[in-house]
């Protein structure tokens, strides 16, 4: 069974909050700034990966789609827009 999107994102947030809290107690503002930027980057990357996972996972257990259809869906998802 796959973990839900919310659970995955909550796990990521918890890890960063714990480390951020440690840096905050130490008064390390430079580390806090870096952690904040790292968290935003990692959250965005993780959301894209979760979107891809959803595209590759059939909604219904008996639903099937070809690999070509899945590849096209991923291409549309990752296509850069101007």
N, C-alpha and C. Protein backbone atom coordinates (compact mmCIF):
# COMPACT_ATOMS: atom_id res chain seq x y z
N UNK A 1 0.85 -1.19 0.00
CA UNK A 1 0.00 0.00 0.00
C UNK A 1 0.89 1.24 0.00
N UNK A 2 0.52 2.18 -0.86
CA UNK A 2 1.29 3.42 -0.95
C UNK A 2 0.85 4.41 0.12
N UNK A 3 1.82 5.18 0.57
CA UNK A 3 1.48 6.24 1.51
C UNK A 3 0.76 7.35 0.76
N UNK A 4 -0.16 7.99 1.43
CA UNK A 4 -0.92 9.07 0.80
C UNK A 4 -0.01 10.27 0.55
N UNK A 5 -0.43 11.10 -0.39
CA UNK A 5 0.30 12.33 -0.70
C UNK A 5 0.49 13.18 0.56
N UNK A 6 -0.58 13.32 1.32
CA UNK A 6 -0.51 14.14 2.54
C UNK A 6 0.50 13.58 3.54
N UNK A 7 0.49 12.27 3.70
CA UNK A 7 1.42 11.66 4.66
C UNK A 7 2.87 11.86 4.23
N UNK A 8 3.15 11.72 2.96
CA UNK A 8 4.50 11.91 2.44
C UNK A 8 4.95 13.35 2.67
N UNK A 9 4.09 14.31 2.32
CA UNK A 9 4.44 15.72 2.49
C UNK A 9 4.58 16.09 3.97
N UNK A 10 3.76 15.50 4.82
CA UNK A 10 3.87 15.75 6.26
C UNK A 10 5.19 15.21 6.81
N UNK A 11 5.62 14.07 6.30
CA UNK A 11 6.90 13.50 6.74
C UNK A 11 8.05 14.42 6.37
N UNK A 12 8.01 14.93 5.15
CA UNK A 12 9.05 15.87 4.71
C UNK A 12 9.05 17.10 5.61
N UNK A 13 7.88 17.64 5.86
CA UNK A 13 7.78 18.84 6.70
C UNK A 13 8.31 18.58 8.10
N UNK A 14 8.00 17.44 8.68
CA UNK A 14 8.45 17.11 10.03
C UNK A 14 9.98 17.07 10.11
N UNK A 15 10.60 16.44 9.12
CA UNK A 15 12.06 16.36 9.10
C UNK A 15 12.66 17.76 9.08
N UNK A 16 12.15 18.59 8.20
CA UNK A 16 12.69 19.95 8.10
C UNK A 16 12.40 20.77 9.35
N UNK A 17 11.22 20.63 9.92
CA UNK A 17 10.90 21.38 11.13
C UNK A 17 11.84 21.01 12.28
N UNK A 18 12.14 19.73 12.41
CA UNK A 18 13.04 19.28 13.48
C UNK A 18 14.43 19.90 13.32
N UNK A 19 14.96 19.85 12.11
CA UNK A 19 16.30 20.39 11.86
C UNK A 19 16.28 21.91 11.97
N UNK A 20 15.21 22.54 11.46
CA UNK A 20 15.09 23.99 11.53
C UNK A 20 15.04 24.45 12.98
N UNK A 21 14.32 23.72 13.79
CA UNK A 21 14.20 24.05 15.21
C UNK A 21 15.57 23.99 15.90
N UNK A 22 16.33 22.97 15.56
CA UNK A 22 17.67 22.84 16.12
C UNK A 22 18.55 24.03 15.72
N UNK A 23 18.50 24.42 14.45
CA UNK A 23 19.28 25.57 13.97
C UNK A 23 18.79 26.87 14.62
N UNK A 24 17.49 26.97 14.83
CA UNK A 24 16.91 28.16 15.45
C UNK A 24 17.39 28.29 16.90
N UNK A 25 17.40 27.20 17.63
CA UNK A 25 17.86 27.21 19.03
C UNK A 25 19.34 27.58 19.11
N UNK A 26 20.10 27.19 18.08
CA UNK A 26 21.53 27.51 18.04
C UNK A 26 21.78 28.92 17.53
N UNK A 27 20.71 29.59 17.07
CA UNK A 27 20.86 30.95 16.55
C UNK A 27 21.56 31.00 15.20
N UNK A 28 21.53 29.91 14.46
CA UNK A 28 22.21 29.81 13.17
C UNK A 28 21.27 30.27 12.05
N UNK A 29 21.21 31.59 11.86
CA UNK A 29 20.27 32.14 10.86
C UNK A 29 20.65 31.75 9.43
N UNK A 30 21.95 31.61 9.17
CA UNK A 30 22.37 31.20 7.83
C UNK A 30 21.85 29.79 7.52
N UNK A 31 21.97 28.91 8.48
CA UNK A 31 21.48 27.53 8.31
C UNK A 31 19.95 27.52 8.17
N UNK A 32 19.27 28.37 8.92
CA UNK A 32 17.82 28.44 8.85
C UNK A 32 17.37 28.88 7.45
N UNK A 33 18.05 29.86 6.90
CA UNK A 33 17.72 30.34 5.55
C UNK A 33 17.94 29.25 4.53
N UNK A 34 19.07 28.55 4.64
CA UNK A 34 19.36 27.46 3.70
C UNK A 34 18.33 26.34 3.84
N UNK A 35 17.96 25.99 5.05
CA UNK A 35 16.95 24.95 5.26
C UNK A 35 15.61 25.34 4.66
N UNK A 36 15.25 26.60 4.81
CA UNK A 36 13.98 27.07 4.25
C UNK A 36 13.97 26.92 2.73
N UNK A 37 15.06 27.33 2.08
CA UNK A 37 15.15 27.20 0.63
C UNK A 37 15.20 25.73 0.20
N UNK A 38 15.95 24.93 0.94
CA UNK A 38 16.03 23.50 0.63
C UNK A 38 14.66 22.84 0.77
N UNK A 39 13.93 23.22 1.79
CA UNK A 39 12.60 22.64 2.00
C UNK A 39 11.67 22.96 0.82
N UNK A 40 11.69 24.21 0.39
CA UNK A 40 10.83 24.60 -0.73
C UNK A 40 11.19 23.83 -1.99
N UNK A 41 12.49 23.68 -2.25
CA UNK A 41 12.94 22.93 -3.42
C UNK A 41 12.53 21.47 -3.32
N UNK A 42 12.79 20.85 -2.18
CA UNK A 42 12.46 19.43 -2.00
C UNK A 42 10.96 19.19 -2.06
N UNK A 43 10.18 20.10 -1.52
CA UNK A 43 8.73 19.95 -1.56
C UNK A 43 8.23 19.98 -3.01
N UNK A 44 8.75 20.90 -3.78
CA UNK A 44 8.35 21.00 -5.18
C UNK A 44 8.73 19.74 -5.96
N UNK A 45 9.95 19.26 -5.76
CA UNK A 45 10.39 18.04 -6.44
C UNK A 45 9.55 16.84 -6.02
N UNK A 46 9.25 16.75 -4.75
CA UNK A 46 8.46 15.64 -4.26
C UNK A 46 7.04 15.67 -4.81
N UNK A 47 6.47 16.86 -4.92
CA UNK A 47 5.13 16.97 -5.49
C UNK A 47 5.10 16.53 -6.95
N UNK A 48 6.14 16.85 -7.70
CA UNK A 48 6.22 16.40 -9.10
C UNK A 48 6.30 14.88 -9.13
N UNK A 49 7.14 14.31 -8.28
CA UNK A 49 7.25 12.84 -8.24
C UNK A 49 5.93 12.18 -7.84
N UNK A 50 5.22 12.79 -6.91
CA UNK A 50 3.92 12.25 -6.52
C UNK A 50 2.91 12.36 -7.66
N UNK A 51 2.99 13.44 -8.43
CA UNK A 51 2.12 13.57 -9.61
C UNK A 51 2.41 12.47 -10.62
N UNK A 52 3.70 12.20 -10.83
CA UNK A 52 4.08 11.13 -11.75
C UNK A 52 3.60 9.78 -11.22
N UNK A 53 3.74 9.56 -9.93
CA UNK A 53 3.25 8.31 -9.34
C UNK A 53 1.76 8.14 -9.59
N UNK A 54 1.01 9.22 -9.43
CA UNK A 54 -0.44 9.15 -9.66
C UNK A 54 -0.76 8.84 -11.12
N UNK A 55 0.04 9.40 -12.03
CA UNK A 55 -0.20 9.12 -13.44
C UNK A 55 0.08 7.66 -13.79
N UNK A 56 1.05 7.07 -13.12
CA UNK A 56 1.44 5.70 -13.42
C UNK A 56 0.60 4.67 -12.67
N UNK A 57 -0.14 5.11 -11.66
CA UNK A 57 -0.95 4.20 -10.87
C UNK A 57 -2.39 4.25 -11.36
N UNK A 58 -2.94 3.12 -11.78
CA UNK A 58 -4.33 3.12 -12.23
C UNK A 58 -5.28 3.51 -11.10
N UNK A 59 -6.30 4.28 -11.44
CA UNK A 59 -7.30 4.67 -10.44
C UNK A 59 -8.10 3.47 -9.97
N UNK A 60 -8.40 2.60 -10.90
CA UNK A 60 -9.15 1.39 -10.60
C UNK A 60 -8.20 0.21 -10.76
N UNK A 61 -8.29 -0.80 -9.90
CA UNK A 61 -7.38 -1.94 -10.02
C UNK A 61 -7.44 -2.61 -11.40
N UNK A 62 -8.60 -2.62 -12.06
CA UNK A 62 -8.71 -3.28 -13.35
C UNK A 62 -8.48 -2.34 -14.53
N UNK A 63 -8.22 -1.06 -14.24
CA UNK A 63 -7.99 -0.07 -15.30
C UNK A 63 -6.55 -0.23 -15.81
N UNK A 64 -6.40 -0.28 -17.10
CA UNK A 64 -5.06 -0.37 -17.67
C UNK A 64 -4.91 0.70 -18.74
N UNK A 65 -3.70 1.16 -18.89
CA UNK A 65 -3.39 2.06 -20.00
C UNK A 65 -2.02 1.67 -20.49
N UNK A 66 -1.77 1.95 -21.74
CA UNK A 66 -0.50 1.54 -22.34
C UNK A 66 0.64 2.37 -21.77
N UNK A 67 1.83 1.82 -21.90
CA UNK A 67 3.01 2.56 -21.48
C UNK A 67 3.16 3.84 -22.27
N UNK A 68 2.76 3.80 -23.55
CA UNK A 68 2.84 5.00 -24.39
C UNK A 68 1.92 6.09 -23.84
N UNK A 69 0.70 5.74 -23.44
CA UNK A 69 -0.22 6.72 -22.85
C UNK A 69 0.35 7.31 -21.57
N UNK A 70 0.94 6.46 -20.74
CA UNK A 70 1.54 6.94 -19.48
C UNK A 70 2.71 7.86 -19.77
N UNK A 71 3.55 7.50 -20.74
CA UNK A 71 4.69 8.34 -21.11
C UNK A 71 4.22 9.70 -21.63
N UNK A 72 3.15 9.71 -22.40
CA UNK A 72 2.60 10.96 -22.92
C UNK A 72 2.06 11.83 -21.77
N UNK A 73 1.43 11.20 -20.79
CA UNK A 73 0.92 11.95 -19.65
C UNK A 73 2.08 12.57 -18.86
N UNK A 74 3.15 11.82 -18.67
CA UNK A 74 4.32 12.35 -17.95
C UNK A 74 4.95 13.48 -18.75
N UNK A 75 5.02 13.33 -20.05
CA UNK A 75 5.59 14.38 -20.89
C UNK A 75 4.79 15.67 -20.76
N UNK A 76 3.46 15.54 -20.79
CA UNK A 76 2.61 16.73 -20.63
C UNK A 76 2.82 17.37 -19.25
N UNK A 77 2.97 16.54 -18.23
CA UNK A 77 3.15 17.04 -16.88
C UNK A 77 4.46 17.80 -16.72
N UNK A 78 5.52 17.29 -17.36
CA UNK A 78 6.83 17.87 -17.17
C UNK A 78 7.22 18.90 -18.22
N UNK A 79 6.37 19.09 -19.20
CA UNK A 79 6.68 20.05 -20.27
C UNK A 79 6.77 21.46 -19.71
N UNK A 80 7.86 22.12 -20.05
CA UNK A 80 8.06 23.50 -19.60
C UNK A 80 7.15 24.42 -20.38
N UNK A 81 6.52 25.30 -19.69
CA UNK A 81 5.64 26.27 -20.35
C UNK A 81 6.28 27.65 -20.28
N UNK A 82 6.14 28.44 -21.37
CA UNK A 82 6.75 29.79 -21.39
C UNK A 82 6.10 30.71 -20.38
